[in-house]
Amino acid sequence: NPLTVAESYAMVDMLSGGRLVLGVGSGYLAHEFEGFGVLPQ
């Protein structure tokens, strides 16, 4: 859930004193999509 992602990395930024660089992507490994039950398409 993107709200969960935002919460987690807001905490990282706060605890590090504003040092976060947030790289994001859509994923590409088939077994990870299968594990989370998300359709790759």
PDB file of all heavy atoms in Angstrom:
ATOM      1  N   ASN A   1       0.856  -1.179   0.000  1.00  0.00           N
ATOM      2  CA  ASN A   1       0.000   0.000   0.000  1.00  0.00           C
ATOM      3  C   ASN A   1       0.899   1.238   0.000  1.00  0.00           C
ATOM      4  O   ASN A   1       1.784   1.364   0.851  1.00  0.00           O
ATOM      5  CB  ASN A   1      -0.889  -0.013   1.246  1.00  0.00           C
ATOM      6  CG  ASN A   1      -1.904   1.115   1.248  1.00  0.00           C
ATOM      7  OD1 ASN A   1      -1.562   2.278   1.066  1.00  0.00           O
ATOM      8  ND2 ASN A   1      -3.159   0.772   1.474  1.00  0.00           N
ATOM      9  N   PRO A   2       0.723   2.162  -0.927  1.00  0.00           N
ATOM     10  CA  PRO A   2       1.629   3.316  -0.999  1.00  0.00           C
ATOM     11  C   PRO A   2       1.594   4.191   0.250  1.00  0.00           C
ATOM     12  O   PRO A   2       2.579   4.880   0.544  1.00  0.00           O
ATOM     13  CB  PRO A   2       1.154   4.076  -2.234  1.00  0.00           C
ATOM     14  CG  PRO A   2      -0.248   3.599  -2.472  1.00  0.00           C
ATOM     15  CD  PRO A   2      -0.283   2.189  -2.002  1.00  0.00           C
ATOM     16  N   LEU A   3       0.492   4.165   0.993  1.00  0.00           N
ATOM     17  CA  LEU A   3       0.463   4.919   2.244  1.00  0.00           C
ATOM     18  C   LEU A   3       1.414   4.291   3.270  1.00  0.00           C
ATOM     19  O   LEU A   3       2.079   5.003   4.033  1.00  0.00           O
ATOM     20  CB  LEU A   3      -0.959   4.973   2.804  1.00  0.00           C
ATOM     21  CG  LEU A   3      -1.956   5.803   1.995  1.00  0.00           C
ATOM     22  CD1 LEU A   3      -3.345   5.693   2.606  1.00  0.00           C
ATOM     23  CD2 LEU A   3      -1.522   7.272   1.933  1.00  0.00           C
ATOM     24  N   THR A   4       1.489   2.959   3.280  1.00  0.00           N
ATOM     25  CA  THR A   4       2.435   2.270   4.163  1.00  0.00           C
ATOM     26  C   THR A   4       3.870   2.593   3.758  1.00  0.00           C
ATOM     27  O   THR A   4       4.731   2.836   4.617  1.00  0.00           O
ATOM     28  CB  THR A   4       2.213   0.755   4.113  1.00  0.00           C
ATOM     29  OG1 THR A   4       0.877   0.460   4.507  1.00  0.00           O
ATOM     30  CG2 THR A   4       3.182   0.025   5.024  1.00  0.00           C
ATOM     31  N   VAL A   5       4.142   2.594   2.450  1.00  0.00           N
ATOM     32  CA  VAL A   5       5.475   2.959   1.963  1.00  0.00           C
ATOM     33  C   VAL A   5       5.817   4.378   2.396  1.00  0.00           C
ATOM     34  O   VAL A   5       6.924   4.654   2.893  1.00  0.00           O
ATOM     35  CB  VAL A   5       5.543   2.823   0.429  1.00  0.00           C
ATOM     36  CG1 VAL A   5       6.905   3.296  -0.090  1.00  0.00           C
ATOM     37  CG2 VAL A   5       5.290   1.386  -0.001  1.00  0.00           C
ATOM     38  N   ALA A   6       4.874   5.297   2.229  1.00  0.00           N
ATOM     39  CA  ALA A   6       5.116   6.691   2.607  1.00  0.00           C
ATOM     40  C   ALA A   6       5.398   6.820   4.097  1.00  0.00           C
ATOM     41  O   ALA A   6       6.307   7.552   4.507  1.00  0.00           O
ATOM     42  CB  ALA A   6       3.908   7.547   2.214  1.00  0.00           C
ATOM     43  N   GLU A   7       4.647   6.108   4.925  1.00  0.00           N
ATOM     44  CA  GLU A   7       4.873   6.157   6.367  1.00  0.00           C
ATOM     45  C   GLU A   7       6.271   5.649   6.729  1.00  0.00           C
ATOM     46  O   GLU A   7       7.000   6.274   7.505  1.00  0.00           O
ATOM     47  CB  GLU A   7       3.824   5.323   7.096  1.00  0.00           C
ATOM     48  CG  GLU A   7       2.434   5.933   7.114  1.00  0.00           C
ATOM     49  CD  GLU A   7       1.426   5.027   7.804  1.00  0.00           C
ATOM     50  OE1 GLU A   7       1.553   3.792   7.683  1.00  0.00           O
ATOM     51  OE2 GLU A   7       0.525   5.554   8.462  1.00  0.00           O
ATOM     52  N   SER A   8       6.640   4.495   6.170  1.00  0.00           N
ATOM     53  CA  SER A   8       7.932   3.887   6.501  1.00  0.00           C
ATOM     54  C   SER A   8       9.092   4.803   6.130  1.00  0.00           C
ATOM     55  O   SER A   8      10.023   5.012   6.924  1.00  0.00           O
ATOM     56  CB  SER A   8       8.080   2.538   5.789  1.00  0.00           C
ATOM     57  OG  SER A   8       7.140   1.605   6.261  1.00  0.00           O
ATOM     58  N   TYR A   9       9.041   5.361   4.923  1.00  0.00           N
ATOM     59  CA  TYR A   9      10.176   6.160   4.474  1.00  0.00           C
ATOM     60  C   TYR A   9      10.144   7.578   5.018  1.00  0.00           C
ATOM     61  O   TYR A   9      11.198   8.235   5.111  1.00  0.00           O
ATOM     62  CB  TYR A   9      10.288   6.094   2.951  1.00  0.00           C
ATOM     63  CG  TYR A   9      10.784   4.726   2.542  1.00  0.00           C
ATOM     64  CD1 TYR A   9       9.949   3.798   1.933  1.00  0.00           C
ATOM     65  CD2 TYR A   9      12.083   4.341   2.838  1.00  0.00           C
ATOM     66  CE1 TYR A   9      10.400   2.532   1.607  1.00  0.00           C
ATOM     67  CE2 TYR A   9      12.548   3.077   2.513  1.00  0.00           C
ATOM     68  CZ  TYR A   9      11.698   2.176   1.903  1.00  0.00           C
ATOM     69  OH  TYR A   9      12.157   0.923   1.602  1.00  0.00           O
ATOM     70  N   ALA A  10       8.972   8.069   5.432  1.00  0.00           N
ATOM     71  CA  ALA A  10       8.939   9.327   6.179  1.00  0.00           C
ATOM     72  C   ALA A  10       9.681   9.158   7.502  1.00  0.00           C
ATOM     73  O   ALA A  10      10.419  10.049   7.945  1.00  0.00           O
ATOM     74  CB  ALA A  10       7.498   9.760   6.430  1.00  0.00           C
ATOM     75  N   MET A  11       9.505   7.986   8.130  1.00  0.00           N
ATOM     76  CA  MET A  11      10.242   7.704   9.365  1.00  0.00           C
ATOM     77  C   MET A  11      11.744   7.626   9.118  1.00  0.00           C
ATOM     78  O   MET A  11      12.541   8.152   9.904  1.00  0.00           O
ATOM     79  CB  MET A  11       9.742   6.397   9.985  1.00  0.00           C
ATOM     80  CG  MET A  11       8.376   6.482  10.630  1.00  0.00           C
ATOM     81  SD  MET A  11       7.925   4.929  11.451  1.00  0.00           S
ATOM     82  CE  MET A  11       9.137   4.879  12.790  1.00  0.00           C
ATOM     83  N   VAL A  12      12.151   6.959   8.023  1.00  0.00           N
ATOM     84  CA  VAL A  12      13.577   6.889   7.698  1.00  0.00           C
ATOM     85  C   VAL A  12      14.147   8.297   7.519  1.00  0.00           C
ATOM     86  O   VAL A  12      15.228   8.627   8.035  1.00  0.00           O
ATOM     87  CB  VAL A  12      13.825   6.042   6.439  1.00  0.00           C
ATOM     88  CG1 VAL A  12      15.296   6.123   6.013  1.00  0.00           C
ATOM     89  CG2 VAL A  12      13.427   4.591   6.661  1.00  0.00           C
ATOM     90  N   ASP A  13      13.431   9.138   6.798  1.00  0.00           N
ATOM     91  CA  ASP A  13      13.914  10.493   6.560  1.00  0.00           C
ATOM     92  C   ASP A  13      14.015  11.265   7.875  1.00  0.00           C
ATOM     93  O   ASP A  13      14.988  11.986   8.109  1.00  0.00           O
ATOM     94  CB  ASP A  13      12.992  11.212   5.580  1.00  0.00           C
ATOM     95  CG  ASP A  13      13.649  12.445   4.977  1.00  0.00           C
ATOM     96  OD1 ASP A  13      14.760  12.302   4.417  1.00  0.00           O
ATOM     97  OD2 ASP A  13      13.067  13.537   5.080  1.00  0.00           O
ATOM     98  N   MET A  14      13.025  11.092   8.731  1.00  0.00           N
ATOM     99  CA  MET A  14      13.052  11.785  10.015  1.00  0.00           C
ATOM    100  C   MET A  14      14.195  11.286  10.892  1.00  0.00           C
ATOM    101  O   MET A  14      14.974  12.070  11.454  1.00  0.00           O
ATOM    102  CB  MET A  14      11.719  11.593  10.738  1.00  0.00           C
ATOM    103  CG  MET A  14      11.657  12.258  12.102  1.00  0.00           C
ATOM    104  SD  MET A  14      10.092  11.958  12.935  1.00  0.00           S
ATOM    105  CE  MET A  14       8.979  12.907  11.914  1.00  0.00           C
ATOM    106  N   LEU A  15      14.327   9.971  11.027  1.00  0.00           N
ATOM    107  CA  LEU A  15      15.340   9.401  11.910  1.00  0.00           C
ATOM    108  C   LEU A  15      16.760   9.648  11.410  1.00  0.00           C
ATOM    109  O   LEU A  15      17.715   9.634  12.187  1.00  0.00           O
ATOM    110  CB  LEU A  15      15.092   7.902  12.088  1.00  0.00           C
ATOM    111  CG  LEU A  15      13.834   7.546  12.906  1.00  0.00           C
ATOM    112  CD1 LEU A  15      13.516   6.064  12.774  1.00  0.00           C
ATOM    113  CD2 LEU A  15      14.019   7.921  14.369  1.00  0.00           C
ATOM    114  N   SER A  16      16.905   9.856  10.102  1.00  0.00           N
ATOM    115  CA  SER A  16      18.235  10.120   9.534  1.00  0.00           C
ATOM    116  C   SER A  16      18.538  11.611   9.446  1.00  0.00           C
ATOM    117  O   SER A  16      19.622  11.991   8.982  1.00  0.00           O
ATOM    118  CB  SER A  16      18.345   9.494   8.140  1.00  0.00           C
ATOM    119  OG  SER A  16      17.479  10.147   7.222  1.00  0.00           O
ATOM    120  N   GLY A  17      17.604  12.444   9.840  1.00  0.00           N
ATOM    121  CA  GLY A  17      17.824  13.881   9.737  1.00  0.00           C
ATOM    122  C   GLY A  17      17.739  14.411   8.327  1.00  0.00           C
ATOM    123  O   GLY A  17      18.436  15.356   7.955  1.00  0.00           O
ATOM    124  N   GLY A  18      16.874  13.777   7.501  1.00  0.00           N
ATOM    125  CA  GLY A  18      16.663  14.258   6.136  1.00  0.00           C
ATOM    126  C   GLY A  18      17.669  13.751   5.132  1.00  0.00           C
ATOM    127  O   GLY A  18      18.075  14.487   4.223  1.00  0.00           O
ATOM    128  N   ARG A  19      18.049  12.467   5.249  1.00  0.00           N
ATOM    129  CA  ARG A  19      19.088  11.911   4.350  1.00  0.00           C
ATOM    130  C   ARG A  19      18.550  10.886   3.354  1.00  0.00           C
ATOM    131  O   ARG A  19      19.326  10.232   2.653  1.00  0.00           O
ATOM    132  CB  ARG A  19      20.205  11.278   5.187  1.00  0.00           C
ATOM    133  CG  ARG A  19      21.040  12.291   5.947  1.00  0.00           C
ATOM    134  CD  ARG A  19      22.220  11.636   6.621  1.00  0.00           C
ATOM    135  NE  ARG A  19      21.884  11.035   7.906  1.00  0.00           N
ATOM    136  CZ  ARG A  19      22.462   9.947   8.392  1.00  0.00           C
ATOM    137  NH1 ARG A  19      23.386   9.303   7.687  1.00  0.00           N
ATOM    138  NH2 ARG A  19      22.124   9.485   9.570  1.00  0.00           N
ATOM    139  N   LEU A  20      17.239  10.722   3.264  1.00  0.00           N
ATOM    140  CA  LEU A  20      16.656   9.692   2.402  1.00  0.00           C
ATOM    141  C   LEU A  20      16.725  10.065   0.919  1.00  0.00           C
ATOM    142  O   LEU A  20      16.470  11.204   0.535  1.00  0.00           O
ATOM    143  CB  LEU A  20      15.184   9.474   2.787  1.00  0.00           C
ATOM    144  CG  LEU A  20      14.381   8.517   1.902  1.00  0.00           C
ATOM    145  CD1 LEU A  20      14.887   7.085   2.035  1.00  0.00           C
ATOM    146  CD2 LEU A  20      12.895   8.591   2.240  1.00  0.00           C
ATOM    147  N   VAL A  21      17.062   9.067   0.089  1.00  0.00           N
ATOM    148  CA  VAL A  21      16.887   9.132  -1.366  1.00  0.00           C
ATOM    149  C   VAL A  21      16.041   7.920  -1.729  1.00  0.00           C
ATOM    150  O   VAL A  21      16.460   6.783  -1.519  1.00  0.00           O
ATOM    151  CB  VAL A  21      18.220   9.087  -2.134  1.00  0.00           C
ATOM    152  CG1 VAL A  21      17.971   9.196  -3.633  1.00  0.00           C
ATOM    153  CG2 VAL A  21      19.146  10.194  -1.661  1.00  0.00           C
ATOM    154  N   LEU A  22      14.855   8.149  -2.266  1.00  0.00           N
ATOM    155  CA  LEU A  22      13.887   7.069  -2.454  1.00  0.00           C
ATOM    156  C   LEU A  22      13.852   6.617  -3.913  1.00  0.00           C
ATOM    157  O   LEU A  22      13.264   7.274  -4.775  1.00  0.00           O
ATOM    158  CB  LEU A  22      12.504   7.541  -2.012  1.00  0.00           C
ATOM    159  CG  LEU A  22      11.382   6.505  -1.974  1.00  0.00           C
ATOM    160  CD1 LEU A  22      11.776   5.274  -1.165  1.00  0.00           C
ATOM    161  CD2 LEU A  22      10.103   7.132  -1.408  1.00  0.00           C
ATOM    162  N   GLY A  23      14.511   5.493  -4.192  1.00  0.00           N
ATOM    163  CA  GLY A  23      14.412   4.873  -5.512  1.00  0.00           C
ATOM    164  C   GLY A  23      13.187   3.976  -5.559  1.00  0.00           C
ATOM    165  O   GLY A  23      12.941   3.208  -4.627  1.00  0.00           O
ATOM    166  N   VAL A  24      12.414   4.073  -6.629  1.00  0.00           N
ATOM    167  CA  VAL A  24      11.183   3.290  -6.741  1.00  0.00           C
ATOM    168  C   VAL A  24      11.122   2.615  -8.104  1.00  0.00           C
ATOM    169  O   VAL A  24      11.719   3.078  -9.077  1.00  0.00           O
ATOM    170  CB  VAL A  24       9.928   4.179  -6.546  1.00  0.00           C
ATOM    171  CG1 VAL A  24       9.895   4.771  -5.147  1.00  0.00           C
ATOM    172  CG2 VAL A  24       9.864   5.292  -7.599  1.00  0.00           C
ATOM    173  N   GLY A  25      10.392   1.497  -8.163  1.00  0.00           N
ATOM    174  CA  GLY A  25      10.240   0.778  -9.417  1.00  0.00           C
ATOM    175  C   GLY A  25       9.029  -0.125  -9.370  1.00  0.00           C
ATOM    176  O   GLY A  25       8.356  -0.256  -8.329  1.00  0.00           O
ATOM    177  N   SER A  26       8.772  -0.777 -10.499  1.00  0.00           N
ATOM    178  CA  SER A  26       7.570  -1.614 -10.625  1.00  0.00           C
ATOM    179  C   SER A  26       7.841  -3.083 -10.372  1.00  0.00           C
ATOM    180  O   SER A  26       6.913  -3.881 -10.294  1.00  0.00           O
ATOM    181  CB  SER A  26       6.961  -1.439 -12.017  1.00  0.00           C
ATOM    182  OG  SER A  26       7.895  -1.811 -13.017  1.00  0.00           O
ATOM    183  N   GLY A  27       9.122  -3.484 -10.233  1.00  0.00           N
ATOM    184  CA  GLY A  27       9.452  -4.890 -10.025  1.00  0.00           C
ATOM    185  C   GLY A  27       9.541  -5.653 -11.332  1.00  0.00           C
ATOM    186  O   GLY A  27       8.990  -5.238 -12.356  1.00  0.00           O
ATOM    187  N   TYR A  28      10.242  -6.806 -11.283  1.00  0.00           N
ATOM    188  CA  TYR A  28      10.396  -7.579 -12.516  1.00  0.00           C
ATOM    189  C   TYR A  28      10.559  -9.077 -12.278  1.00  0.00           C
ATOM    190  O   TYR A  28      10.582  -9.855 -13.227  1.00  0.00           O
ATOM    191  CB  TYR A  28      11.605  -7.074 -13.314  1.00  0.00           C
ATOM    192  CG  TYR A  28      12.940  -7.309 -12.651  1.00  0.00           C
ATOM    193  CD1 TYR A  28      13.748  -8.369 -13.042  1.00  0.00           C
ATOM    194  CD2 TYR A  28      13.382  -6.469 -11.639  1.00  0.00           C
ATOM    195  CE1 TYR A  28      14.967  -8.596 -12.435  1.00  0.00           C
ATOM    196  CE2 TYR A  28      14.609  -6.689 -11.026  1.00  0.00           C
ATOM    197  CZ  TYR A  28      15.394  -7.743 -11.420  1.00  0.00           C
ATOM    198  OH  TYR A  28      16.596  -7.961 -10.814  1.00  0.00           O
ATOM    199  N   LEU A  29      10.650  -9.518 -11.033  1.00  0.00           N
ATOM    200  CA  LEU A  29      10.906 -10.927 -10.747  1.00  0.00           C
ATOM    201  C   LEU A  29       9.597 -11.691 -10.584  1.00  0.00           C
ATOM    202  O   LEU A  29       8.796 -11.398  -9.690  1.00  0.00           O
ATOM    203  CB  LEU A  29      11.753 -11.058  -9.480  1.00  0.00           C
ATOM    204  CG  LEU A  29      13.159 -10.451  -9.583  1.00  0.00           C
ATOM    205  CD1 LEU A  29      13.838 -10.445  -8.237  1.00  0.00           C
ATOM    206  CD2 LEU A  29      13.992 -11.195 -10.611  1.00  0.00           C
ATOM    207  N   ALA A  30       9.404 -12.697 -11.424  1.00  0.00           N
ATOM    208  CA  ALA A  30       8.117 -13.413 -11.463  1.00  0.00           C
ATOM    209  C   ALA A  30       7.759 -14.034 -10.121  1.00  0.00           C
ATOM    210  O   ALA A  30       6.588 -13.995  -9.698  1.00  0.00           O
ATOM    211  CB  ALA A  30       8.169 -14.490 -12.549  1.00  0.00           C
ATOM    212  N   HIS A  31       8.744 -14.615  -9.416  1.00  0.00           N
ATOM    213  CA  HIS A  31       8.416 -15.290  -8.162  1.00  0.00           C
ATOM    214  C   HIS A  31       7.944 -14.311  -7.093  1.00  0.00           C
ATOM    215  O   HIS A  31       7.181 -14.673  -6.197  1.00  0.00           O
ATOM    216  CB  HIS A  31       9.617 -16.096  -7.652  1.00  0.00           C
ATOM    217  CG  HIS A  31      10.719 -15.253  -7.084  1.00  0.00           C
ATOM    218  ND1 HIS A  31      11.651 -14.635  -7.871  1.00  0.00           N
ATOM    219  CD2 HIS A  31      11.016 -14.919  -5.802  1.00  0.00           C
ATOM    220  CE1 HIS A  31      12.489 -13.956  -7.103  1.00  0.00           C
ATOM    221  NE2 HIS A  31      12.133 -14.114  -5.838  1.00  0.00           N
ATOM    222  N   GLU A  32       8.372 -13.048  -7.181  1.00  0.00           N
ATOM    223  CA  GLU A  32       7.907 -12.058  -6.213  1.00  0.00           C
ATOM    224  C   GLU A  32       6.450 -11.681  -6.467  1.00  0.00           C
ATOM    225  O   GLU A  32       5.656 -11.555  -5.516  1.00  0.00           O
ATOM    226  CB  GLU A  32       8.809 -10.829  -6.247  1.00  0.00           C
ATOM    227  CG  GLU A  32      10.232 -11.137  -5.783  1.00  0.00           C
ATOM    228  CD  GLU A  32      11.125  -9.921  -5.694  1.00  0.00           C
ATOM    229  OE1 GLU A  32      10.757  -8.847  -6.226  1.00  0.00           O
ATOM    230  OE2 GLU A  32      12.201 -10.030  -5.085  1.00  0.00           O
ATOM    231  N   PHE A  33       6.091 -11.518  -7.729  1.00  0.00           N
ATOM    232  CA  PHE A  33       4.686 -11.241  -8.045  1.00  0.00           C
ATOM    233  C   PHE A  33       3.798 -12.410  -7.629  1.00  0.00           C
ATOM    234  O   PHE A  33       2.701 -12.215  -7.082  1.00  0.00           O
ATOM    235  CB  PHE A  33       4.526 -10.936  -9.535  1.00  0.00           C
ATOM    236  CG  PHE A  33       4.983  -9.557  -9.908  1.00  0.00           C
ATOM    237  CD1 PHE A  33       6.307  -9.324 -10.276  1.00  0.00           C
ATOM    238  CD2 PHE A  33       4.109  -8.491  -9.871  1.00  0.00           C
ATOM    239  CE1 PHE A  33       6.743  -8.057 -10.597  1.00  0.00           C
ATOM    240  CE2 PHE A  33       4.533  -7.204 -10.194  1.00  0.00           C
ATOM    241  CZ  PHE A  33       5.850  -6.997 -10.553  1.00  0.00           C
ATOM    242  N   GLU A  34       4.274 -13.629  -7.877  1.00  0.00           N
ATOM    243  CA  GLU A  34       3.512 -14.813  -7.472  1.00  0.00           C
ATOM    244  C   GLU A  34       3.349 -14.853  -5.951  1.00  0.00           C
ATOM    245  O   GLU A  34       2.273 -15.145  -5.427  1.00  0.00           O
ATOM    246  CB  GLU A  34       4.214 -16.081  -7.960  1.00  0.00           C
ATOM    247  CG  GLU A  34       4.180 -16.256  -9.474  1.00  0.00           C
ATOM    248  CD  GLU A  34       5.076 -17.387  -9.948  1.00  0.00           C
ATOM    249  OE1 GLU A  34       5.674 -18.074  -9.078  1.00  0.00           O
ATOM    250  OE2 GLU A  34       5.195 -17.585 -11.169  1.00  0.00           O
ATOM    251  N   GLY A  35       4.437 -14.555  -5.229  1.00  0.00           N
ATOM    252  CA  GLY A  35       4.384 -14.598  -3.780  1.00  0.00           C
ATOM    253  C   GLY A  35       3.405 -13.605  -3.187  1.00  0.00           C
ATOM    254  O   GLY A  35       2.727 -13.904  -2.194  1.00  0.00           O
ATOM    255  N   PHE A  36       3.309 -12.438  -3.784  1.00  0.00           N
ATOM    256  CA  PHE A  36       2.399 -11.416  -3.275  1.00  0.00           C
ATOM    257  C   PHE A  36       1.011 -11.479  -3.910  1.00  0.00           C
ATOM    258  O   PHE A  36       0.114 -10.717  -3.537  1.00  0.00           O
ATOM    259  CB  PHE A  36       2.995 -10.017  -3.506  1.00  0.00           C
ATOM    260  CG  PHE A  36       4.065  -9.657  -2.530  1.00  0.00           C
ATOM    261  CD1 PHE A  36       5.388  -9.555  -2.931  1.00  0.00           C
ATOM    262  CD2 PHE A  36       3.759  -9.415  -1.199  1.00  0.00           C
ATOM    263  CE1 PHE A  36       6.386  -9.218  -2.018  1.00  0.00           C
ATOM    264  CE2 PHE A  36       4.746  -9.071  -0.287  1.00  0.00           C
ATOM    265  CZ  PHE A  36       6.067  -8.975  -0.701  1.00  0.00           C
ATOM    266  N   GLY A  37       0.833 -12.387  -4.871  1.00  0.00           N
ATOM    267  CA  GLY A  37      -0.468 -12.501  -5.515  1.00  0.00           C
ATOM    268  C   GLY A  37      -0.823 -11.304  -6.382  1.00  0.00           C
ATOM    269  O   GLY A  37      -2.002 -10.966  -6.533  1.00  0.00           O
ATOM    270  N   VAL A  38       0.201 -10.667  -6.963  1.00  0.00           N
ATOM    271  CA  VAL A  38      -0.008  -9.516  -7.842  1.00  0.00           C
ATOM    272  C   VAL A  38       0.240  -9.953  -9.279  1.00  0.00           C
ATOM    273  O   VAL A  38       1.246 -10.604  -9.571  1.00  0.00           O
ATOM    274  CB  VAL A  38       0.941  -8.350  -7.475  1.00  0.00           C
ATOM    275  CG1 VAL A  38       0.808  -7.204  -8.472  1.00  0.00           C
ATOM    276  CG2 VAL A  38       0.661  -7.868  -6.057  1.00  0.00           C
ATOM    277  N   LEU A  39      -0.663  -9.597 -10.176  1.00  0.00           N
ATOM    278  CA  LEU A  39      -0.517  -9.975 -11.578  1.00  0.00           C
ATOM    279  C   LEU A  39       0.545  -9.102 -12.252  1.00  0.00           C
ATOM    280  O   LEU A  39       0.455  -7.863 -12.203  1.00  0.00           O
ATOM    281  CB  LEU A  39      -1.845  -9.812 -12.311  1.00  0.00           C
ATOM    282  CG  LEU A  39      -2.987 -10.717 -11.844  1.00  0.00           C
ATOM    283  CD1 LEU A  39      -4.284 -10.356 -12.581  1.00  0.00           C
ATOM    284  CD2 LEU A  39      -2.645 -12.185 -12.050  1.00  0.00           C
ATOM    285  N   PRO A  40       1.559  -9.723 -12.877  1.00  0.00           N
ATOM    286  CA  PRO A  40       2.603  -8.923 -13.519  1.00  0.00           C
ATOM    287  C   PRO A  40       2.072  -7.950 -14.567  1.00  0.00           C
ATOM    288  O   PRO A  40       2.628  -6.859 -14.735  1.00  0.00           O
ATOM    289  CB  PRO A  40       3.507  -9.984 -14.158  1.00  0.00           C
ATOM    290  CG  PRO A  40       3.293 -11.206 -13.348  1.00  0.00           C
ATOM    291  CD  PRO A  40       1.843 -11.168 -12.950  1.00  0.00           C
ATOM    292  N   GLN A  41       0.997  -8.323 -15.254  1.00  0.00           N
ATOM    293  CA  GLN A  41       0.462  -7.444 -16.290  1.00  0.00           C
ATOM    294  C   GLN A  41      -0.181  -6.178 -15.711  1.00  0.00           C
ATOM    295  O   GLN A  41      -0.473  -5.235 -16.447  1.00  0.00           O
ATOM    296  CB  GLN A  41      -0.539  -8.180 -17.184  1.00  0.00           C
ATOM    297  CG  GLN A  41      -1.711  -8.818 -16.473  1.00  0.00           C
ATOM    298  CD  GLN A  41      -1.452 -10.282 -16.128  1.00  0.00           C
ATOM    299  OE1 GLN A  41      -0.328 -10.665 -15.789  1.00  0.00           O
ATOM    300  NE2 GLN A  41      -2.486 -11.100 -16.229  1.00  0.00           N
TER     301      GLN A  41
END
